[in-house]
């Protein structure tokens, strides 16, 4: 299994940078990663430490995930 992993702060500026770093992956993978990173920004908060992972499984499928750092609680006001 091949895995690409990056720890970063989830900021709007990071989204195009991560998309550029994933240039060797196809459009669908880049889109999924940027959508997940944008969800962290929108729902947890800009500046949240996050880890982005792309894994090519032995089956040939690609797994994409991003996790906000659970050690970094974020307080958000209600909308």
PDB file of N, CA and C in Angstrom:
ATOM      1  N   UNK A   1       0.850  -1.168   0.000  1.00  0.00           N
ATOM      2  CA  UNK A   1       0.000   0.000   0.000  1.00  0.00           C
ATOM      3  C   UNK A   1       0.901   1.238   0.000  1.00  0.00           C
ATOM      4  N   UNK A   2       0.607   2.168  -0.890  1.00  0.00           N
ATOM      5  CA  UNK A   2       1.338   3.424  -0.966  1.00  0.00           C
ATOM      6  C   UNK A   2       0.537   4.498  -0.262  1.00  0.00           C
ATOM      7  N   UNK A   3       1.171   5.242   0.635  1.00  0.00           N
ATOM      8  CA  UNK A   3       0.460   6.278   1.376  1.00  0.00           C
ATOM      9  C   UNK A   3       1.200   7.597   1.268  1.00  0.00           C
ATOM     10  N   UNK A   4       0.425   8.644   1.029  1.00  0.00           N
ATOM     11  CA  UNK A   4       0.918  10.030   1.046  1.00  0.00           C
ATOM     12  C   UNK A   4       0.255  10.684   2.231  1.00  0.00           C
ATOM     13  N   UNK A   5       1.017  11.371   3.085  1.00  0.00           N
ATOM     14  CA  UNK A   5       0.453  11.981   4.285  1.00  0.00           C
ATOM     15  C   UNK A   5       1.077  13.343   4.511  1.00  0.00           C
ATOM     16  N   UNK A   6       0.245  14.292   4.951  1.00  0.00           N
ATOM     17  CA  UNK A   6       0.716  15.640   5.216  1.00  0.00           C
ATOM     18  C   UNK A   6      -0.024  16.195   6.423  1.00  0.00           C
ATOM     19  N   UNK A   7       0.728  16.714   7.388  1.00  0.00           N
ATOM     20  CA  UNK A   7       0.126  17.415   8.526  1.00  0.00           C
ATOM     21  C   UNK A   7       0.252  18.905   8.262  1.00  0.00           C
ATOM     22  N   UNK A   8      -0.836  19.651   8.498  1.00  0.00           N
ATOM     23  CA  UNK A   8      -0.865  21.066   8.188  1.00  0.00           C
ATOM     24  C   UNK A   8      -1.921  21.767   9.009  1.00  0.00           C
ATOM     25  N   UNK A   9      -1.952  23.091   8.913  1.00  0.00           N
ATOM     26  CA  UNK A   9      -3.050  23.859   9.474  1.00  0.00           C
ATOM     27  C   UNK A   9      -4.087  24.028   8.379  1.00  0.00           C
ATOM     28  N   UNK A  10      -5.331  23.707   8.698  1.00  0.00           N
ATOM     29  CA  UNK A  10      -6.415  23.813   7.713  1.00  0.00           C
ATOM     30  C   UNK A  10      -6.782  25.291   7.568  1.00  0.00           C
ATOM     31  N   UNK A  11      -6.276  25.904   6.513  1.00  0.00           N
ATOM     32  CA  UNK A  11      -6.574  27.300   6.217  1.00  0.00           C
ATOM     33  C   UNK A  11      -6.991  27.398   4.754  1.00  0.00           C
ATOM     34  N   UNK A  12      -7.722  28.439   4.391  1.00  0.00           N
ATOM     35  CA  UNK A  12      -8.097  28.591   2.978  1.00  0.00           C
ATOM     36  C   UNK A  12      -6.876  28.624   2.050  1.00  0.00           C
ATOM     37  N   UNK A  13      -5.775  29.179   2.511  1.00  0.00           N
ATOM     38  CA  UNK A  13      -4.566  29.241   1.692  1.00  0.00           C
ATOM     39  C   UNK A  13      -3.942  27.860   1.475  1.00  0.00           C
ATOM     40  N   UNK A  14      -4.170  26.940   2.404  1.00  0.00           N
ATOM     41  CA  UNK A  14      -3.589  25.600   2.305  1.00  0.00           C
ATOM     42  C   UNK A  14      -4.269  24.755   1.232  1.00  0.00           C
ATOM     43  N   UNK A  15      -5.521  25.049   0.921  1.00  0.00           N
ATOM     44  CA  UNK A  15      -6.283  24.205  -0.013  1.00  0.00           C
ATOM     45  C   UNK A  15      -5.609  24.131  -1.384  1.00  0.00           C
ATOM     46  N   UNK A  16      -5.309  25.255  -2.068  1.00  0.00           N
ATOM     47  CA  UNK A  16      -4.655  25.131  -3.375  1.00  0.00           C
ATOM     48  C   UNK A  16      -3.233  24.579  -3.276  1.00  0.00           C
ATOM     49  N   UNK A  17      -2.554  24.830  -2.150  1.00  0.00           N
ATOM     50  CA  UNK A  17      -1.209  24.289  -1.969  1.00  0.00           C
ATOM     51  C   UNK A  17      -1.238  22.760  -1.905  1.00  0.00           C
ATOM     52  N   UNK A  18      -2.194  22.214  -1.160  1.00  0.00           N
ATOM     53  CA  UNK A  18      -2.323  20.755  -1.058  1.00  0.00           C
ATOM     54  C   UNK A  18      -2.718  20.174  -2.412  1.00  0.00           C
ATOM     55  N   UNK A  19      -3.643  20.833  -3.104  1.00  0.00           N
ATOM     56  CA  UNK A  19      -4.050  20.363  -4.434  1.00  0.00           C
ATOM     57  C   UNK A  19      -2.834  20.299  -5.360  1.00  0.00           C
ATOM     58  N   UNK A  20      -1.958  21.295  -5.288  1.00  0.00           N
ATOM     59  CA  UNK A  20      -0.748  21.297  -6.115  1.00  0.00           C
ATOM     60  C   UNK A  20       0.200  20.152  -5.729  1.00  0.00           C
ATOM     61  N   UNK A  21       0.332  19.896  -4.425  1.00  0.00           N
ATOM     62  CA  UNK A  21       1.199  18.806  -3.971  1.00  0.00           C
ATOM     63  C   UNK A  21       0.722  17.439  -4.452  1.00  0.00           C
ATOM     64  N   UNK A  22      -0.574  17.333  -4.744  1.00  0.00           N
ATOM     65  CA  UNK A  22      -1.156  16.058  -5.185  1.00  0.00           C
ATOM     66  C   UNK A  22      -1.202  15.941  -6.709  1.00  0.00           C
ATOM     67  N   UNK A  23      -0.334  16.677  -7.412  1.00  0.00           N
ATOM     68  CA  UNK A  23      -0.368  16.705  -8.878  1.00  0.00           C
ATOM     69  C   UNK A  23      -0.239  15.323  -9.521  1.00  0.00           C
ATOM     70  N   UNK A  24       0.369  14.370  -8.860  1.00  0.00           N
ATOM     71  CA  UNK A  24       0.541  13.037  -9.464  1.00  0.00           C
ATOM     72  C   UNK A  24      -0.730  12.187  -9.386  1.00  0.00           C
ATOM     73  N   UNK A  25      -1.699  12.639  -8.590  1.00  0.00           N
ATOM     74  CA  UNK A  25      -2.976  11.916  -8.472  1.00  0.00           C
ATOM     75  C   UNK A  25      -3.997  12.507  -9.441  1.00  0.00           C
ATOM     76  N   UNK A  26      -5.012  11.714  -9.777  1.00  0.00           N
ATOM     77  CA  UNK A  26      -6.001  12.205 -10.734  1.00  0.00           C
ATOM     78  C   UNK A  26      -6.934  13.256 -10.118  1.00  0.00           C
ATOM     79  N   UNK A  27      -7.737  13.854 -10.971  1.00  0.00           N
ATOM     80  CA  UNK A  27      -8.625  14.954 -10.581  1.00  0.00           C
ATOM     81  C   UNK A  27      -9.545  14.566  -9.425  1.00  0.00           C
ATOM     82  N   UNK A  28     -10.108  13.353  -9.463  1.00  0.00           N
ATOM     83  CA  UNK A  28     -11.050  12.934  -8.420  1.00  0.00           C
ATOM     84  C   UNK A  28     -10.398  12.900  -7.043  1.00  0.00           C
ATOM     85  N   UNK A  29      -9.164  12.439  -6.967  1.00  0.00           N
ATOM     86  CA  UNK A  29      -8.451  12.384  -5.684  1.00  0.00           C
ATOM     87  C   UNK A  29      -8.191  13.804  -5.187  1.00  0.00           C
ATOM     88  N   UNK A  30      -7.702  14.667  -6.065  1.00  0.00           N
ATOM     89  CA  UNK A  30      -7.438  16.055  -5.660  1.00  0.00           C
ATOM     90  C   UNK A  30      -8.716  16.743  -5.207  1.00  0.00           C
ATOM     91  N   UNK A  31      -9.823  16.488  -5.906  1.00  0.00           N
ATOM     92  CA  UNK A  31     -11.105  17.087  -5.534  1.00  0.00           C
ATOM     93  C   UNK A  31     -11.555  16.597  -4.156  1.00  0.00           C
ATOM     94  N   UNK A  32     -11.462  15.300  -3.902  1.00  0.00           N
ATOM     95  CA  UNK A  32     -11.866  14.758  -2.603  1.00  0.00           C
ATOM     96  C   UNK A  32     -11.040  15.359  -1.468  1.00  0.00           C
ATOM     97  N   UNK A  33      -9.732  15.436  -1.657  1.00  0.00           N
ATOM     98  CA  UNK A  33      -8.873  15.988  -0.606  1.00  0.00           C
ATOM     99  C   UNK A  33      -9.225  17.439  -0.336  1.00  0.00           C
ATOM    100  N   UNK A  34      -9.400  18.239  -1.378  1.00  0.00           N
ATOM    101  CA  UNK A  34      -9.690  19.655  -1.152  1.00  0.00           C
ATOM    102  C   UNK A  34     -11.079  19.836  -0.552  1.00  0.00           C
ATOM    103  N   UNK A  35     -12.039  19.008  -0.914  1.00  0.00           N
ATOM    104  CA  UNK A  35     -13.375  19.089  -0.309  1.00  0.00           C
ATOM    105  C   UNK A  35     -13.314  18.730   1.178  1.00  0.00           C
ATOM    106  N   UNK A  36     -12.589  17.679   1.516  1.00  0.00           N
ATOM    107  CA  UNK A  36     -12.476  17.289   2.920  1.00  0.00           C
ATOM    108  C   UNK A  36     -11.749  18.348   3.733  1.00  0.00           C
ATOM    109  N   UNK A  37     -10.692  18.917   3.180  1.00  0.00           N
ATOM    110  CA  UNK A  37      -9.968  19.969   3.882  1.00  0.00           C
ATOM    111  C   UNK A  37     -10.849  21.204   4.064  1.00  0.00           C
ATOM    112  N   UNK A  38     -11.638  21.534   3.051  1.00  0.00           N
ATOM    113  CA  UNK A  38     -12.564  22.659   3.161  1.00  0.00           C
ATOM    114  C   UNK A  38     -13.619  22.391   4.225  1.00  0.00           C
ATOM    115  N   UNK A  39     -14.067  21.150   4.355  1.00  0.00           N
ATOM    116  CA  UNK A  39     -15.025  20.802   5.408  1.00  0.00           C
ATOM    117  C   UNK A  39     -14.430  21.012   6.795  1.00  0.00           C
ATOM    118  N   UNK A  40     -13.153  20.687   6.977  1.00  0.00           N
ATOM    119  CA  UNK A  40     -12.500  20.935   8.268  1.00  0.00           C
ATOM    120  C   UNK A  40     -12.535  22.432   8.561  1.00  0.00           C
ATOM    121  N   UNK A  41     -12.200  23.237   7.561  1.00  0.00           N
ATOM    122  CA  UNK A  41     -12.196  24.695   7.746  1.00  0.00           C
ATOM    123  C   UNK A  41     -13.595  25.191   8.093  1.00  0.00           C
ATOM    124  N   UNK A  42     -14.601  24.752   7.343  1.00  0.00           N
ATOM    125  CA  UNK A  42     -15.971  25.227   7.536  1.00  0.00           C
ATOM    126  C   UNK A  42     -16.606  24.750   8.838  1.00  0.00           C
ATOM    127  N   UNK A  43     -16.342  23.511   9.233  1.00  0.00           N
ATOM    128  CA  UNK A  43     -17.076  22.920  10.347  1.00  0.00           C
ATOM    129  C   UNK A  43     -16.298  22.827  11.659  1.00  0.00           C
ATOM    130  N   UNK A  44     -14.970  22.908  11.584  1.00  0.00           N
ATOM    131  CA  UNK A  44     -14.164  22.859  12.804  1.00  0.00           C
ATOM    132  C   UNK A  44     -13.502  24.213  13.040  1.00  0.00           C
ATOM    133  N   UNK A  45     -13.043  24.837  11.980  1.00  0.00           N
ATOM    134  CA  UNK A  45     -12.474  26.176  12.098  1.00  0.00           C
ATOM    135  C   UNK A  45     -11.151  26.320  11.375  1.00  0.00           C
ATOM    136  N   UNK A  46     -10.963  27.472  10.763  1.00  0.00           N
ATOM    137  CA  UNK A  46      -9.698  27.769  10.091  1.00  0.00           C
ATOM    138  C   UNK A  46      -8.572  27.755  11.109  1.00  0.00           C
ATOM    139  N   UNK A  47      -7.441  27.211  10.709  1.00  0.00           N
ATOM    140  CA  UNK A  47      -6.290  27.124  11.593  1.00  0.00           C
ATOM    141  C   UNK A  47      -6.224  25.843  12.402  1.00  0.00           C
ATOM    142  N   UNK A  48      -7.193  24.951  12.209  1.00  0.00           N
ATOM    143  CA  UNK A  48      -7.195  23.671  12.918  1.00  0.00           C
ATOM    144  C   UNK A  48      -6.076  22.779  12.385  1.00  0.00           C
ATOM    145  N   UNK A  49      -5.231  22.222  13.253  1.00  0.00           N
ATOM    146  CA  UNK A  49      -4.244  21.257  12.776  1.00  0.00           C
ATOM    147  C   UNK A  49      -4.980  20.042  12.201  1.00  0.00           C
ATOM    148  N   UNK A  50      -4.525  19.577  11.044  1.00  0.00           N
ATOM    149  CA  UNK A  50      -5.180  18.444  10.380  1.00  0.00           C
ATOM    150  C   UNK A  50      -4.130  17.584   9.697  1.00  0.00           C
ATOM    151  N   UNK A  51      -4.492  16.339   9.468  1.00  0.00           N
ATOM    152  CA  UNK A  51      -3.654  15.417   8.715  1.00  0.00           C
ATOM    153  C   UNK A  51      -4.447  14.945   7.513  1.00  0.00           C
ATOM    154  N   UNK A  52      -3.836  15.045   6.346  1.00  0.00           N
ATOM    155  CA  UNK A  52      -4.442  14.595   5.092  1.00  0.00           C
ATOM    156  C   UNK A  52      -3.709  13.332   4.667  1.00  0.00           C
ATOM    157  N   UNK A  53      -4.465  12.291   4.305  1.00  0.00           N
ATOM    158  CA  UNK A  53      -3.862  11.040   3.869  1.00  0.00           C
ATOM    159  C   UNK A  53      -4.499  10.563   2.563  1.00  0.00           C
ATOM    160  N   UNK A  54      -3.645  10.071   1.669  1.00  0.00           N
ATOM    161  CA  UNK A  54      -4.095   9.429   0.439  1.00  0.00           C
ATOM    162  C   UNK A  54      -3.392   8.083   0.394  1.00  0.00           C
ATOM    163  N   UNK A  55      -4.152   7.010   0.330  1.00  0.00           N
ATOM    164  CA  UNK A  55      -3.569   5.668   0.308  1.00  0.00           C
ATOM    165  C   UNK A  55      -4.072   4.922  -0.919  1.00  0.00           C
ATOM    166  N   UNK A  56      -3.134   4.371  -1.676  1.00  0.00           N
ATOM    167  CA  UNK A  56      -3.493   3.499  -2.792  1.00  0.00           C
ATOM    168  C   UNK A  56      -3.442   2.076  -2.242  1.00  0.00           C
ATOM    169  N   UNK A  57      -4.605   1.435  -2.201  1.00  0.00           N
ATOM    170  CA  UNK A  57      -4.741   0.106  -1.609  1.00  0.00           C
ATOM    171  C   UNK A  57      -4.285  -0.981  -2.575  1.00  0.00           C
ATOM    172  N   UNK A  58      -3.978  -2.170  -2.072  1.00  0.00           N
ATOM    173  CA  UNK A  58      -3.565  -3.270  -2.948  1.00  0.00           C
ATOM    174  C   UNK A  58      -4.601  -3.608  -4.027  1.00  0.00           C
ATOM    175  N   UNK A  59      -5.862  -3.282  -3.769  1.00  0.00           N
ATOM    176  CA  UNK A  59      -6.920  -3.550  -4.753  1.00  0.00           C
ATOM    177  C   UNK A  59      -6.883  -2.561  -5.912  1.00  0.00           C
ATOM    178  N   UNK A  60      -6.072  -1.486  -5.766  1.00  0.00           N
ATOM    179  CA  UNK A  60      -6.026  -0.454  -6.792  1.00  0.00           C
ATOM    180  C   UNK A  60      -6.929   0.723  -6.472  1.00  0.00           C
ATOM    181  N   UNK A  61      -7.793   0.567  -5.473  1.00  0.00           N
ATOM    182  CA  UNK A  61      -8.655   1.671  -5.049  1.00  0.00           C
ATOM    183  C   UNK A  61      -7.828   2.695  -4.274  1.00  0.00           C
ATOM    184  N   UNK A  62      -8.310   3.915  -4.233  1.00  0.00           N
ATOM    185  CA  UNK A  62      -7.639   4.976  -3.493  1.00  0.00           C
ATOM    186  C   UNK A  62      -8.513   5.405  -2.332  1.00  0.00           C
ATOM    187  N   UNK A  63      -7.911   5.494  -1.157  1.00  0.00           N
ATOM    188  CA  UNK A  63      -8.615   5.950   0.041  1.00  0.00           C
ATOM    189  C   UNK A  63      -8.098   7.341   0.390  1.00  0.00           C
ATOM    190  N   UNK A  64      -9.026   8.256   0.629  1.00  0.00           N
ATOM    191  CA  UNK A  64      -8.687   9.630   0.973  1.00  0.00           C
ATOM    192  C   UNK A  64      -9.336   9.951   2.304  1.00  0.00           C
ATOM    193  N   UNK A  65      -8.567  10.519   3.251  1.00  0.00           N
ATOM    194  CA  UNK A  65      -9.184  10.983   4.495  1.00  0.00           C
ATOM    195  C   UNK A  65      -8.390  12.141   5.048  1.00  0.00           C
ATOM    196  N   UNK A  66      -9.049  12.895   5.872  1.00  0.00           N
ATOM    197  CA  UNK A  66      -8.418  14.002   6.570  1.00  0.00           C
ATOM    198  C   UNK A  66      -9.020  14.069   7.959  1.00  0.00           C
ATOM    199  N   UNK A  67      -8.168  14.218   8.940  1.00  0.00           N
ATOM    200  CA  UNK A  67      -8.616  14.249  10.333  1.00  0.00           C
ATOM    201  C   UNK A  67      -8.123  15.514  10.998  1.00  0.00           C
ATOM    202  N   UNK A  68      -9.046  16.257  11.616  1.00  0.00           N
ATOM    203  CA  UNK A  68      -8.573  17.337  12.475  1.00  0.00           C
ATOM    204  C   UNK A  68      -7.845  16.730  13.661  1.00  0.00           C
ATOM    205  N   UNK A  69      -6.864  17.405  14.157  1.00  0.00           N
ATOM    206  CA  UNK A  69      -6.098  16.917  15.298  1.00  0.00           C
ATOM    207  C   UNK A  69      -7.007  16.887  16.528  1.00  0.00           C
ATOM    208  N   UNK A  70      -7.295  15.708  17.088  1.00  0.00           N
ATOM    209  CA  UNK A  70      -8.209  15.623  18.239  1.00  0.00           C
ATOM    210  C   UNK A  70      -7.650  16.265  19.496  1.00  0.00           C
ATOM    211  N   UNK A  71      -6.362  16.551  19.520  1.00  0.00           N
ATOM    212  CA  UNK A  71      -5.766  17.179  20.698  1.00  0.00           C
ATOM    213  C   UNK A  71      -5.981  18.687  20.701  1.00  0.00           C
ATOM    214  N   UNK A  72      -6.574  19.229  19.643  1.00  0.00           N
ATOM    215  CA  UNK A  72      -6.739  20.681  19.521  1.00  0.00           C
ATOM    216  C   UNK A  72      -8.207  21.055  19.544  1.00  0.00           C
ATOM    217  N   UNK A  73      -8.796  21.181  20.729  1.00  0.00           N
ATOM    218  CA  UNK A  73     -10.204  21.559  20.765  1.00  0.00           C
ATOM    219  C   UNK A  73     -10.407  22.962  20.205  1.00  0.00           C
ATOM    220  N   UNK A  74     -11.489  23.121  19.502  1.00  0.00           N
ATOM    221  CA  UNK A  74     -11.809  24.415  18.897  1.00  0.00           C
ATOM    222  C   UNK A  74     -13.154  24.865  19.409  1.00  0.00           C
ATOM    223  N   UNK A  75     -13.212  26.072  19.936  1.00  0.00           N
ATOM    224  CA  UNK A  75     -14.465  26.633  20.417  1.00  0.00           C
ATOM    225  C   UNK A  75     -15.042  27.483  19.313  1.00  0.00           C
ATOM    226  N   UNK A  76     -16.294  27.209  18.960  1.00  0.00           N
ATOM    227  CA  UNK A  76     -16.950  27.974  17.891  1.00  0.00           C
ATOM    228  C   UNK A  76     -18.231  28.556  18.448  1.00  0.00           C
ATOM    229  N   UNK A  77     -18.538  29.742  18.013  1.00  0.00           N
ATOM    230  CA  UNK A  77     -19.798  30.352  18.440  1.00  0.00           C
ATOM    231  C   UNK A  77     -20.943  29.808  17.587  1.00  0.00           C
ATOM    232  N   UNK A  78     -22.149  29.786  18.136  1.00  0.00           N
ATOM    233  CA  UNK A  78     -23.316  29.321  17.387  1.00  0.00           C
ATOM    234  C   UNK A  78     -23.643  30.304  16.274  1.00  0.00           C
ATOM    235  N   UNK A  79     -24.261  29.789  15.237  1.00  0.00           N
ATOM    236  CA  UNK A  79     -24.624  30.653  14.107  1.00  0.00           C
ATOM    237  C   UNK A  79     -26.068  31.025  14.174  1.00  0.00           C
TER     238      UNK A  79
END
